[in-house]
Amino acid sequence: MGALTLDILLGDVHSLKQKRSVVRPLVAELHRRFPGVAVAETGHLDLHRRAEVGIAVVSASAGNCKEVMDACERMVAFRPEIELLSARQRLYNDED
């Protein structure tokens, strides 16, 4: 299992309503492109120009889990309307 946390700076956003109009389609796109992942906005909920998106991946192998997290990160990083400030990945094993 793996977890990916993305810290995102939004472009020309001046309200929480505008923020939702950027974040919701991003979350939906991640769900569409990677149907086996769980995605949610997990932080910076009260800030209109920042968002934190959490992604959880369950896979039989750590390698596949890492590949999916890397692909999710790339998809977000290449979106022109946002800037990816940081991405943190963590792999969990049976002992965690």
N, C-alpha and C. Protein backbone atom coordinates (compact mmCIF):
# COMPACT_ATOMS: atom_id res chain seq x y z
N MET A 1 0.84 -1.17 0.00
CA MET A 1 0.00 0.00 0.00
C MET A 1 0.89 1.23 0.00
N GLY A 2 0.41 2.28 -0.63
CA GLY A 2 1.17 3.52 -0.67
C GLY A 2 0.28 4.73 -0.51
N ALA A 3 0.88 5.81 -0.07
CA ALA A 3 0.17 7.08 0.09
C ALA A 3 0.98 8.18 -0.58
N LEU A 4 0.31 9.02 -1.30
CA LEU A 4 0.92 10.16 -1.98
C LEU A 4 0.19 11.41 -1.52
N THR A 5 0.94 12.40 -1.06
CA THR A 5 0.36 13.67 -0.64
C THR A 5 0.94 14.77 -1.53
N LEU A 6 0.06 15.49 -2.18
CA LEU A 6 0.46 16.55 -3.11
C LEU A 6 0.07 17.90 -2.53
N ASP A 7 1.03 18.81 -2.43
CA ASP A 7 0.78 20.18 -1.99
C ASP A 7 0.75 21.03 -3.25
N ILE A 8 -0.37 21.69 -3.48
CA ILE A 8 -0.61 22.36 -4.75
C ILE A 8 -0.88 23.85 -4.53
N LEU A 9 -0.29 24.68 -5.39
CA LEU A 9 -0.60 26.11 -5.44
C LEU A 9 -1.47 26.34 -6.66
N LEU A 10 -2.63 26.94 -6.43
CA LEU A 10 -3.57 27.18 -7.51
C LEU A 10 -3.27 28.53 -8.15
N GLY A 11 -3.57 28.64 -9.42
CA GLY A 11 -3.27 29.86 -10.18
C GLY A 11 -4.18 31.01 -9.81
N ASP A 12 -4.94 31.50 -10.76
CA ASP A 12 -5.78 32.69 -10.61
C ASP A 12 -7.08 32.34 -9.89
N VAL A 13 -6.97 32.08 -8.60
CA VAL A 13 -8.12 31.69 -7.78
C VAL A 13 -8.28 32.70 -6.66
N HIS A 14 -9.49 33.24 -6.51
CA HIS A 14 -9.71 34.31 -5.52
C HIS A 14 -10.79 33.98 -4.50
N SER A 15 -11.32 32.77 -4.53
CA SER A 15 -12.35 32.39 -3.56
C SER A 15 -12.34 30.87 -3.38
N LEU A 16 -12.99 30.42 -2.32
CA LEU A 16 -13.10 28.98 -2.10
C LEU A 16 -13.96 28.33 -3.18
N LYS A 17 -14.93 29.06 -3.71
CA LYS A 17 -15.77 28.54 -4.79
C LYS A 17 -14.93 28.29 -6.05
N GLN A 18 -14.06 29.23 -6.39
CA GLN A 18 -13.17 29.05 -7.53
C GLN A 18 -12.20 27.90 -7.28
N LYS A 19 -11.74 27.79 -6.04
CA LYS A 19 -10.84 26.69 -5.68
C LYS A 19 -11.52 25.34 -5.97
N ARG A 20 -12.78 25.20 -5.53
CA ARG A 20 -13.51 23.96 -5.78
C ARG A 20 -13.62 23.67 -7.27
N SER A 21 -13.75 24.72 -8.09
CA SER A 21 -13.89 24.52 -9.53
C SER A 21 -12.59 24.05 -10.17
N VAL A 22 -11.48 24.14 -9.46
CA VAL A 22 -10.20 23.61 -9.94
C VAL A 22 -9.91 22.24 -9.32
N VAL A 23 -10.14 22.12 -8.02
CA VAL A 23 -9.78 20.90 -7.29
C VAL A 23 -10.71 19.73 -7.64
N ARG A 24 -12.01 19.97 -7.71
CA ARG A 24 -12.94 18.87 -8.02
C ARG A 24 -12.65 18.20 -9.35
N PRO A 25 -12.44 18.95 -10.43
CA PRO A 25 -12.10 18.28 -11.69
C PRO A 25 -10.76 17.52 -11.63
N LEU A 26 -9.82 18.03 -10.85
CA LEU A 26 -8.54 17.35 -10.69
C LEU A 26 -8.74 16.00 -10.00
N VAL A 27 -9.50 16.00 -8.92
CA VAL A 27 -9.80 14.76 -8.19
C VAL A 27 -10.56 13.78 -9.10
N ALA A 28 -11.54 14.29 -9.85
CA ALA A 28 -12.31 13.45 -10.76
C ALA A 28 -11.43 12.85 -11.85
N GLU A 29 -10.52 13.64 -12.38
CA GLU A 29 -9.61 13.15 -13.42
C GLU A 29 -8.70 12.05 -12.89
N LEU A 30 -8.20 12.21 -11.67
CA LEU A 30 -7.39 11.15 -11.06
C LEU A 30 -8.20 9.88 -10.89
N HIS A 31 -9.46 9.99 -10.47
CA HIS A 31 -10.34 8.82 -10.34
C HIS A 31 -10.55 8.15 -11.69
N ARG A 32 -10.77 8.94 -12.74
CA ARG A 32 -11.00 8.37 -14.08
C ARG A 32 -9.77 7.67 -14.63
N ARG A 33 -8.63 8.32 -14.50
CA ARG A 33 -7.40 7.76 -15.09
C ARG A 33 -6.83 6.61 -14.29
N PHE A 34 -7.07 6.61 -12.99
CA PHE A 34 -6.53 5.58 -12.10
C PHE A 34 -7.67 5.05 -11.22
N PRO A 35 -8.51 4.16 -11.77
CA PRO A 35 -9.72 3.75 -11.06
C PRO A 35 -9.46 2.99 -9.76
N GLY A 36 -8.28 2.48 -9.55
CA GLY A 36 -7.99 1.72 -8.33
C GLY A 36 -7.48 2.55 -7.17
N VAL A 37 -7.43 3.87 -7.31
CA VAL A 37 -6.89 4.71 -6.24
C VAL A 37 -8.03 5.43 -5.51
N ALA A 38 -7.77 5.79 -4.27
CA ALA A 38 -8.68 6.65 -3.51
C ALA A 38 -8.07 8.05 -3.49
N VAL A 39 -8.86 9.05 -3.82
CA VAL A 39 -8.37 10.43 -3.93
C VAL A 39 -9.30 11.36 -3.17
N ALA A 40 -8.72 12.32 -2.44
CA ALA A 40 -9.52 13.31 -1.73
C ALA A 40 -8.69 14.56 -1.46
N GLU A 41 -9.38 15.68 -1.33
CA GLU A 41 -8.72 16.90 -0.85
C GLU A 41 -8.56 16.72 0.66
N THR A 42 -7.34 16.79 1.15
CA THR A 42 -7.06 16.43 2.54
C THR A 42 -6.51 17.56 3.39
N GLY A 43 -6.20 18.69 2.80
CA GLY A 43 -5.63 19.77 3.60
C GLY A 43 -5.77 21.12 2.95
N HIS A 44 -5.41 22.16 3.70
CA HIS A 44 -5.51 23.56 3.26
C HIS A 44 -6.95 23.89 2.86
N LEU A 45 -7.91 23.33 3.58
CA LEU A 45 -9.32 23.47 3.20
C LEU A 45 -9.82 24.91 3.32
N ASP A 46 -9.21 25.72 4.18
CA ASP A 46 -9.68 27.09 4.37
C ASP A 46 -8.88 28.11 3.56
N LEU A 47 -7.89 27.67 2.80
CA LEU A 47 -7.09 28.58 1.97
C LEU A 47 -7.57 28.48 0.53
N HIS A 48 -7.73 29.61 -0.13
CA HIS A 48 -8.27 29.56 -1.49
C HIS A 48 -7.21 29.34 -2.57
N ARG A 49 -5.93 29.56 -2.30
CA ARG A 49 -4.92 29.36 -3.34
C ARG A 49 -4.08 28.11 -3.13
N ARG A 50 -4.32 27.38 -2.05
CA ARG A 50 -3.55 26.16 -1.77
C ARG A 50 -4.51 24.99 -1.63
N ALA A 51 -4.01 23.82 -1.99
CA ALA A 51 -4.78 22.59 -1.80
C ALA A 51 -3.81 21.47 -1.50
N GLU A 52 -4.27 20.53 -0.71
CA GLU A 52 -3.53 19.30 -0.47
C GLU A 52 -4.43 18.16 -0.92
N VAL A 53 -3.88 17.31 -1.78
CA VAL A 53 -4.62 16.18 -2.29
C VAL A 53 -3.92 14.91 -1.83
N GLY A 54 -4.69 14.01 -1.24
CA GLY A 54 -4.15 12.74 -0.79
C GLY A 54 -4.62 11.62 -1.70
N ILE A 55 -3.70 10.71 -2.00
CA ILE A 55 -3.99 9.59 -2.88
C ILE A 55 -3.50 8.32 -2.20
N ALA A 56 -4.38 7.31 -2.11
CA ALA A 56 -4.01 6.03 -1.53
C ALA A 56 -4.07 4.96 -2.62
N VAL A 57 -3.05 4.11 -2.64
CA VAL A 57 -2.94 3.05 -3.65
C VAL A 57 -2.73 1.72 -2.93
N VAL A 58 -3.50 0.73 -3.33
CA VAL A 58 -3.32 -0.63 -2.80
C VAL A 58 -2.94 -1.52 -3.96
N SER A 59 -1.84 -2.24 -3.79
CA SER A 59 -1.34 -3.09 -4.87
C SER A 59 -0.63 -4.30 -4.27
N ALA A 60 -0.53 -5.36 -5.06
CA ALA A 60 0.15 -6.56 -4.60
C ALA A 60 1.66 -6.37 -4.51
N SER A 61 2.20 -5.41 -5.28
CA SER A 61 3.65 -5.21 -5.25
C SER A 61 3.99 -3.75 -5.00
N ALA A 62 5.08 -3.54 -4.31
CA ALA A 62 5.55 -2.18 -4.03
C ALA A 62 5.93 -1.47 -5.33
N GLY A 63 6.46 -2.21 -6.29
CA GLY A 63 6.85 -1.61 -7.57
C GLY A 63 5.66 -1.05 -8.32
N ASN A 64 4.58 -1.80 -8.37
CA ASN A 64 3.38 -1.32 -9.05
C ASN A 64 2.78 -0.13 -8.31
N CYS A 65 2.78 -0.20 -7.01
CA CYS A 65 2.27 0.89 -6.19
C CYS A 65 3.04 2.18 -6.49
N LYS A 66 4.35 2.09 -6.55
CA LYS A 66 5.22 3.25 -6.84
C LYS A 66 4.94 3.78 -8.24
N GLU A 67 4.76 2.87 -9.21
CA GLU A 67 4.47 3.30 -10.59
C GLU A 67 3.17 4.11 -10.65
N VAL A 68 2.14 3.65 -9.95
CA VAL A 68 0.86 4.35 -9.96
C VAL A 68 1.01 5.72 -9.29
N MET A 69 1.69 5.77 -8.15
CA MET A 69 1.89 7.06 -7.47
C MET A 69 2.69 8.02 -8.35
N ASP A 70 3.73 7.52 -9.01
CA ASP A 70 4.52 8.37 -9.91
C ASP A 70 3.66 8.91 -11.05
N ALA A 71 2.80 8.06 -11.62
CA ALA A 71 1.93 8.48 -12.73
C ALA A 71 0.93 9.53 -12.25
N CYS A 72 0.38 9.36 -11.05
CA CYS A 72 -0.53 10.37 -10.50
C CYS A 72 0.19 11.70 -10.30
N GLU A 73 1.39 11.63 -9.77
CA GLU A 73 2.17 12.85 -9.54
C GLU A 73 2.47 13.56 -10.86
N ARG A 74 2.85 12.81 -11.88
CA ARG A 74 3.14 13.41 -13.19
C ARG A 74 1.89 14.07 -13.77
N MET A 75 0.75 13.41 -13.66
CA MET A 75 -0.47 13.96 -14.20
C MET A 75 -0.79 15.32 -13.57
N VAL A 76 -0.63 15.41 -12.27
CA VAL A 76 -0.91 16.67 -11.57
C VAL A 76 0.15 17.72 -11.92
N ALA A 77 1.41 17.32 -11.99
CA ALA A 77 2.49 18.26 -12.26
C ALA A 77 2.37 18.91 -13.64
N PHE A 78 1.78 18.21 -14.59
CA PHE A 78 1.68 18.74 -15.95
C PHE A 78 0.43 19.57 -16.20
N ARG A 79 -0.40 19.76 -15.18
CA ARG A 79 -1.59 20.60 -15.35
C ARG A 79 -1.16 22.07 -15.35
N PRO A 80 -1.51 22.82 -16.39
CA PRO A 80 -1.01 24.20 -16.50
C PRO A 80 -1.61 25.17 -15.49
N GLU A 81 -2.80 24.88 -14.95
CA GLU A 81 -3.47 25.84 -14.06
C GLU A 81 -3.02 25.74 -12.62
N ILE A 82 -2.13 24.79 -12.32
CA ILE A 82 -1.66 24.62 -10.95
C ILE A 82 -0.15 24.46 -10.92
N GLU A 83 0.42 24.68 -9.74
CA GLU A 83 1.85 24.45 -9.52
C GLU A 83 1.99 23.43 -8.40
N LEU A 84 2.69 22.35 -8.68
CA LEU A 84 2.92 21.32 -7.67
C LEU A 84 4.10 21.76 -6.82
N LEU A 85 3.81 22.10 -5.55
CA LEU A 85 4.86 22.58 -4.65
C LEU A 85 5.68 21.44 -4.06
N SER A 86 5.00 20.35 -3.69
CA SER A 86 5.72 19.20 -3.15
C SER A 86 4.88 17.95 -3.31
N ALA A 87 5.57 16.83 -3.34
CA ALA A 87 4.92 15.52 -3.41
C ALA A 87 5.65 14.60 -2.44
N ARG A 88 4.89 13.99 -1.55
CA ARG A 88 5.48 13.06 -0.58
C ARG A 88 4.87 11.69 -0.78
N GLN A 89 5.74 10.71 -1.01
CA GLN A 89 5.28 9.33 -1.18
C GLN A 89 5.71 8.51 0.02
N ARG A 90 4.83 7.56 0.39
CA ARG A 90 5.19 6.64 1.46
C ARG A 90 4.63 5.27 1.11
N LEU A 91 5.50 4.27 1.20
CA LEU A 91 5.09 2.88 1.00
C LEU A 91 4.93 2.23 2.37
N TYR A 92 3.88 1.45 2.52
CA TYR A 92 3.61 0.74 3.77
C TYR A 92 3.79 -0.75 3.52
N ASN A 93 4.28 -1.44 4.55
CA ASN A 93 4.39 -2.89 4.44
C ASN A 93 3.51 -3.54 5.50
N ASP A 94 3.60 -4.85 5.63
CA ASP A 94 2.73 -5.58 6.56
C ASP A 94 2.93 -5.17 8.02
N GLU A 95 4.10 -4.68 8.37
CA GLU A 95 4.39 -4.32 9.75
C GLU A 95 3.85 -2.94 10.14
N ASP A 96 3.52 -2.10 9.16
CA ASP A 96 3.06 -0.72 9.46
C ASP A 96 1.63 -0.69 9.93
